[in-house]
N, C-alpha and C. Protein backbone atom coordinates (compact mmCIF):
# COMPACT_ATOMS: atom_id res chain seq x y z
N ILE A 1 2.36 -11.25 1.99
CA ILE A 1 2.19 -11.45 3.16
C ILE A 1 3.39 -11.84 4.08
N GLN A 2 3.75 -13.21 3.59
CA GLN A 2 4.45 -13.73 4.11
C GLN A 2 6.06 -12.84 4.10
N TYR A 3 6.40 -12.43 3.06
CA TYR A 3 7.65 -11.61 2.83
C TYR A 3 7.59 -10.51 4.03
N ILE A 4 6.46 -9.76 4.25
CA ILE A 4 6.61 -8.91 5.26
C ILE A 4 6.84 -9.41 6.59
N LYS A 5 5.88 -10.68 6.85
CA LYS A 5 6.38 -10.85 8.15
C LYS A 5 7.93 -11.65 8.46
N ASN A 6 8.38 -12.35 7.12
CA ASN A 6 9.74 -12.91 7.29
C ASN A 6 10.93 -11.71 7.61
N GLU A 7 10.25 -10.76 6.91
CA GLU A 7 11.39 -9.45 7.31
C GLU A 7 11.19 -8.62 8.49
N ARG A 8 10.03 -9.14 9.00
CA ARG A 8 9.72 -8.14 10.16
C ARG A 8 9.68 -6.63 10.15
N LEU A 9 8.94 -6.62 8.77
CA LEU A 9 8.43 -5.12 8.43
C LEU A 9 7.19 -4.83 9.23
N ALA A 10 7.05 -3.41 9.55
CA ALA A 10 6.27 -2.87 10.41
C ALA A 10 6.17 -1.64 10.29
N GLY A 11 4.76 -0.68 10.21
CA GLY A 11 4.21 0.38 9.77
C GLY A 11 2.79 0.37 8.91
N ASN A 12 2.85 1.54 8.35
CA ASN A 12 1.88 1.70 7.51
C ASN A 12 1.79 1.52 6.13
N LEU A 13 0.70 0.40 5.78
CA LEU A 13 0.96 0.07 4.29
C LEU A 13 -0.23 0.18 3.56
N LEU A 14 -0.14 0.41 2.55
CA LEU A 14 -0.97 1.17 1.37
C LEU A 14 -1.41 -0.31 0.46
N PRO A 15 -2.70 -0.93 0.91
CA PRO A 15 -2.85 -1.81 0.23
C PRO A 15 -3.87 -2.16 -1.13
N GLU A 16 -3.50 -2.87 -1.79
CA GLU A 16 -4.63 -3.20 -2.73
C GLU A 16 -5.59 -3.27 -2.10
N PHE A 17 -7.14 -2.82 -2.76
CA PHE A 17 -8.05 -2.71 -1.87
C PHE A 17 -8.55 -4.18 -1.29
N ASP A 18 -8.95 -4.93 -2.25
CA ASP A 18 -9.29 -6.31 -1.83
C ASP A 18 -8.40 -7.03 -0.82
N TRP A 19 -6.94 -6.61 -0.48
CA TRP A 19 -6.43 -7.02 0.08
C TRP A 19 -6.29 -6.85 1.69
N GLY A 20 -6.89 -5.26 1.57
CA GLY A 20 -6.59 -4.70 3.59
C GLY A 20 -7.22 -5.44 4.48
N GLU A 21 -8.46 -6.32 4.11
CA GLU A 21 -8.80 -7.12 5.31
C GLU A 21 -7.83 -7.98 6.00
N LEU A 22 -7.25 -8.96 4.65
CA LEU A 22 -6.28 -9.78 4.94
C LEU A 22 -5.06 -9.43 5.38
N VAL A 23 -4.66 -8.60 5.03
CA VAL A 23 -3.69 -8.08 5.66
C VAL A 23 -3.85 -7.36 7.18
N LEU A 24 -4.85 -6.75 7.80
CA LEU A 24 -5.34 -6.73 9.20
C LEU A 24 -5.27 -7.78 9.86
N PHE A 25 -5.70 -9.00 9.09
CA PHE A 25 -6.18 -10.20 9.98
C PHE A 25 -4.77 -10.86 10.01
N SER A 26 -3.67 -10.38 9.25
CA SER A 26 -2.36 -11.32 9.21
C SER A 26 -1.35 -10.61 10.06
N LEU A 27 -1.45 -9.36 9.95
CA LEU A 27 -0.28 -8.69 9.87
C LEU A 27 -0.44 -7.71 11.10
N SER A 28 -1.46 -7.44 11.64
CA SER A 28 -1.85 -6.66 12.97
C SER A 28 -1.27 -7.16 13.94
N PRO A 29 -1.13 -6.20 15.00
CA PRO A 29 -0.97 -4.67 14.89
C PRO A 29 0.43 -3.99 14.66
N GLU A 30 1.08 -4.74 13.88
CA GLU A 30 2.26 -4.47 13.60
C GLU A 30 2.68 -3.48 12.48
N VAL A 31 1.49 -3.91 11.59
CA VAL A 31 1.25 -3.36 10.27
C VAL A 31 -0.34 -2.96 10.57
N ARG A 32 -0.23 -1.52 9.95
CA ARG A 32 -1.89 -0.77 9.58
C ARG A 32 -2.13 -0.62 8.11
N VAL A 33 -3.42 -0.42 7.74
CA VAL A 33 -3.62 -0.40 6.26
C VAL A 33 -4.02 0.66 6.14
N ALA A 34 -4.04 1.59 5.02
CA ALA A 34 -4.46 2.48 4.60
C ALA A 34 -6.02 2.71 4.27
N MET A 35 -6.47 1.42 3.88
CA MET A 35 -7.75 1.19 3.36
C MET A 35 -8.37 -0.24 3.20
N ASP A 36 -9.47 -0.64 3.64
CA ASP A 36 -9.72 -1.85 3.84
C ASP A 36 -11.50 -1.81 3.39
N GLY A 37 -11.88 -3.05 3.22
CA GLY A 37 -13.33 -3.29 3.08
C GLY A 37 -14.45 -2.57 3.96
N ARG A 38 -13.85 -2.07 4.93
CA ARG A 38 -15.08 -1.45 5.79
C ARG A 38 -14.81 0.28 5.38
N TYR A 39 -14.59 0.39 4.48
CA TYR A 39 -14.44 1.91 3.66
C TYR A 39 -15.52 2.74 3.95
N GLU A 40 -16.81 2.17 3.78
CA GLU A 40 -18.11 2.72 3.72
C GLU A 40 -18.66 3.15 5.23
N THR A 41 -17.87 2.49 6.11
CA THR A 41 -18.53 2.79 7.53
C THR A 41 -17.56 3.18 8.36
N ILE A 42 -16.25 3.69 8.14
CA ILE A 42 -15.05 3.71 9.09
C ILE A 42 -14.21 5.22 8.27
N TYR A 43 -14.21 5.02 7.05
CA TYR A 43 -13.45 6.35 6.33
C TYR A 43 -14.02 7.09 6.03
N PRO A 44 -13.62 8.53 5.81
CA PRO A 44 -14.39 9.54 5.26
C PRO A 44 -14.50 9.65 3.83
N ASN A 45 -15.71 9.76 3.30
CA ASN A 45 -15.85 9.68 1.96
C ASN A 45 -14.53 10.36 1.07
N ASP A 46 -13.98 11.61 1.36
CA ASP A 46 -13.10 12.21 0.52
C ASP A 46 -11.69 11.26 0.46
N VAL A 47 -11.42 10.57 1.87
CA VAL A 47 -10.14 10.05 1.98
C VAL A 47 -10.66 8.55 0.92
N CYS A 48 -11.59 8.21 0.80
CA CYS A 48 -12.08 6.87 0.14
C CYS A 48 -11.99 7.71 -1.71
N LEU A 49 -12.04 8.27 -1.94
CA LEU A 49 -12.03 8.85 -3.28
C LEU A 49 -10.71 9.21 -3.53
N GLU A 50 -9.71 9.95 -2.69
CA GLU A 50 -8.48 9.76 -2.65
C GLU A 50 -7.69 8.70 -3.20
N TYR A 51 -8.12 7.49 -2.41
CA TYR A 51 -7.86 6.21 -2.30
C TYR A 51 -7.89 5.62 -3.72
N PHE A 52 -9.24 5.53 -4.07
CA PHE A 52 -9.73 4.56 -5.23
C PHE A 52 -8.77 5.56 -6.52
N ASP A 53 -8.59 7.10 -6.60
CA ASP A 53 -7.90 7.65 -7.37
C ASP A 53 -6.42 7.13 -7.59
N PHE A 54 -5.88 6.91 -6.43
CA PHE A 54 -4.42 6.47 -6.31
C PHE A 54 -4.51 5.00 -6.90
N ILE A 55 -5.32 3.79 -6.27
CA ILE A 55 -5.10 2.45 -6.68
C ILE A 55 -5.34 2.24 -8.06
N ASN A 56 -6.17 3.22 -8.68
CA ASN A 56 -6.61 3.02 -9.91
C ASN A 56 -5.73 4.12 -11.01
N GLY A 57 -4.43 4.48 -10.40
CA GLY A 57 -3.53 5.57 -11.24
C GLY A 57 -4.05 6.46 -11.97
N ARG A 58 -5.34 7.01 -11.16
CA ARG A 58 -6.14 8.18 -12.20
C ARG A 58 -5.22 9.15 -11.84
N LYS A 59 -5.79 10.76 -12.55
CA LYS A 59 -4.92 11.64 -12.73
C LYS A 59 -4.24 12.21 -11.59
N LYS A 60 -5.07 12.09 -10.18
CA LYS A 60 -4.43 12.86 -9.11
C LYS A 60 -4.08 11.31 -8.52
N TRP A 61 -3.35 10.47 -8.90
CA TRP A 61 -2.99 9.36 -7.99
C TRP A 61 -2.23 9.62 -7.04
N ARG A 62 -1.38 10.63 -6.77
CA ARG A 62 0.06 10.91 -6.30
C ARG A 62 -0.47 11.65 -5.07
N HIS A 63 -1.82 12.22 -5.08
CA HIS A 63 -2.43 12.83 -3.99
C HIS A 63 -2.47 12.35 -2.40
N PHE A 64 -2.59 10.74 -2.45
CA PHE A 64 -3.40 9.95 -1.39
C PHE A 64 -1.66 9.24 -1.16
N LEU A 65 -0.73 9.10 -1.68
CA LEU A 65 0.60 8.70 -1.78
C LEU A 65 1.35 9.97 -1.10
N GLU A 66 1.35 10.96 -1.26
CA GLU A 66 2.21 12.01 -0.63
C GLU A 66 1.18 12.73 0.66
N LYS A 67 -0.16 12.48 0.81
CA LYS A 67 -0.51 13.35 1.65
C LYS A 67 -0.77 12.73 3.07
N TYR A 68 -0.77 11.24 2.87
CA TYR A 68 -0.71 10.52 3.87
C TYR A 68 0.62 9.50 4.46
N ASP A 69 0.70 9.00 5.32
CA ASP A 69 2.18 8.45 5.62
C ASP A 69 1.89 7.11 5.30
N HIS A 70 2.72 6.32 4.39
CA HIS A 70 2.64 5.37 4.24
C HIS A 70 4.31 4.70 3.69
N ASP A 71 4.49 3.52 4.50
CA ASP A 71 5.89 3.12 4.91
C ASP A 71 5.98 1.84 3.60
N MET A 72 4.80 1.33 3.52
CA MET A 72 4.83 0.12 2.19
C MET A 72 3.29 -0.04 1.40
N ILE A 73 3.71 -0.46 0.41
CA ILE A 73 2.57 -0.36 -0.88
C ILE A 73 2.79 -1.60 -1.35
N LEU A 74 1.41 -2.32 -0.98
CA LEU A 74 1.09 -3.56 -1.70
C LEU A 74 0.14 -3.42 -2.97
N ILE A 75 0.71 -4.00 -4.16
CA ILE A 75 0.00 -3.78 -5.16
C ILE A 75 -0.31 -4.97 -6.16
N ARG A 76 -1.27 -5.02 -6.85
CA ARG A 76 -1.46 -6.22 -8.21
C ARG A 76 -0.04 -5.96 -9.03
N ALA A 77 0.33 -6.82 -9.35
CA ALA A 77 1.67 -6.89 -10.39
C ALA A 77 1.12 -6.51 -11.63
N SER A 78 -0.12 -6.56 -12.06
CA SER A 78 -0.78 -6.17 -13.23
C SER A 78 -1.03 -4.63 -13.09
N SER A 79 -0.92 -4.05 -11.97
CA SER A 79 -1.29 -2.58 -12.20
C SER A 79 -0.54 -1.50 -12.81
N ILE A 80 -0.86 -0.29 -12.98
CA ILE A 80 -0.54 0.76 -13.79
C ILE A 80 0.65 1.12 -12.52
N LEU A 81 0.34 0.75 -11.53
CA LEU A 81 1.07 1.99 -10.30
C LEU A 81 2.69 1.68 -10.25
N PRO A 82 3.46 0.23 -10.55
CA PRO A 82 4.61 -0.03 -10.71
C PRO A 82 5.27 1.09 -11.53
N LEU A 83 4.78 1.26 -12.70
CA LEU A 83 5.21 2.37 -13.75
C LEU A 83 5.14 3.96 -13.24
N LEU A 84 4.15 4.05 -12.42
CA LEU A 84 4.10 5.39 -12.01
C LEU A 84 5.15 5.58 -10.63
N LEU A 85 5.38 4.43 -9.97
CA LEU A 85 6.45 4.55 -8.45
C LEU A 85 7.73 4.67 -9.08
N LYS A 86 7.71 4.58 -10.55
CA LYS A 86 9.39 4.04 -10.89
C LYS A 86 9.98 5.57 -11.02
N LYS A 87 9.17 6.73 -10.69
CA LYS A 87 9.30 8.14 -10.81
C LYS A 87 9.94 8.88 -9.27
N TYR A 88 9.38 7.98 -8.27
CA TYR A 88 9.64 8.11 -7.07
C TYR A 88 11.06 7.09 -6.42
N PRO A 89 11.96 7.78 -6.40
CA PRO A 89 13.47 6.85 -5.87
C PRO A 89 13.08 6.58 -4.37
N ASP A 90 12.29 7.33 -3.79
CA ASP A 90 12.19 6.61 -2.14
C ASP A 90 11.62 5.34 -1.92
N TRP A 91 10.94 5.13 -3.26
CA TRP A 91 9.85 4.11 -3.16
C TRP A 91 10.43 2.64 -3.86
N GLN A 92 11.16 1.51 -3.19
CA GLN A 92 12.03 0.57 -3.82
C GLN A 92 11.08 -0.40 -3.83
N LEU A 93 11.17 -1.57 -4.91
CA LEU A 93 10.44 -2.75 -4.81
C LEU A 93 11.36 -3.27 -4.20
N ALA A 94 10.68 -4.35 -3.26
CA ALA A 94 11.30 -5.02 -2.15
C ALA A 94 10.94 -7.03 -2.48
N TYR A 95 9.56 -6.88 -3.02
CA TYR A 95 9.49 -8.29 -3.41
C TYR A 95 8.25 -8.07 -4.63
N SER A 96 8.46 -9.01 -5.44
CA SER A 96 7.35 -9.33 -6.61
C SER A 96 7.33 -10.61 -6.73
N ASP A 97 6.19 -11.01 -7.39
CA ASP A 97 5.67 -12.14 -8.00
C ASP A 97 4.80 -12.09 -9.23
N ASN A 98 4.13 -13.17 -9.27
CA ASN A 98 3.01 -13.21 -10.86
C ASN A 98 1.81 -12.06 -9.74
N VAL A 99 1.74 -12.47 -8.99
CA VAL A 99 0.07 -11.40 -8.26
C VAL A 99 0.62 -10.45 -7.68
N CYS A 100 1.43 -10.10 -7.03
CA CYS A 100 1.56 -8.46 -6.40
C CYS A 100 2.91 -8.22 -6.12
N MET A 101 3.25 -6.94 -5.70
CA MET A 101 4.63 -6.45 -5.75
C MET A 101 4.36 -5.54 -4.63
N LEU A 102 5.22 -5.47 -3.52
CA LEU A 102 5.90 -4.80 -2.26
C LEU A 102 6.63 -3.68 -2.53
N PHE A 103 6.22 -2.40 -2.43
CA PHE A 103 7.46 -1.29 -2.56
C PHE A 103 7.51 -0.95 -1.13
N VAL A 104 8.77 -0.68 -0.69
CA VAL A 104 9.03 0.13 0.55
C VAL A 104 9.60 1.35 0.27
N HIS A 105 9.47 2.10 1.33
CA HIS A 105 10.14 3.47 1.35
C HIS A 105 11.25 3.37 2.14
N SER A 106 12.07 4.28 1.57
CA SER A 106 13.57 4.10 1.93
C SER A 106 13.64 4.09 3.43
N SER A 107 12.59 4.96 4.00
CA SER A 107 12.77 5.39 5.63
C SER A 107 12.18 4.36 6.36
N ILE A 108 12.15 3.12 5.87
CA ILE A 108 11.72 1.92 6.87
C ILE A 108 12.88 0.83 6.69
N GLU A 109 13.37 0.06 7.70
CA GLU A 109 14.24 -1.20 7.44
C GLU A 109 13.42 -2.21 8.25
N ALA A 110 14.36 -3.23 7.66
CA ALA A 110 13.88 -4.50 8.02
C ALA A 110 14.44 -4.67 9.64
N LYS A 111 13.65 -5.35 10.46
CA LYS A 111 14.17 -5.14 12.26
C LYS A 111 14.75 -6.40 12.49
């Protein structure tokens, strides 16, 4: 989150589920999240299923990534997703540490 603030990034962020509300609290309104803990009350069930396929790297993981407009992806460093995202040259690793990895789409730039 601090990296996103420092780089003044803005746009649609696809976060690790457990981090969605923290992102909303810390970065809103410049950053909007694709999913957060309110999923049972504000997101349609089919969107939730697509999201969980993505975040868990299931067979249809790409569907959520390709169907919706995302500028950034914030995921656990231990996730399978970094390996899967390597196949997509438009997604570049912008930040990583022992806990998380931030991928940024080539269409956005720091302000």
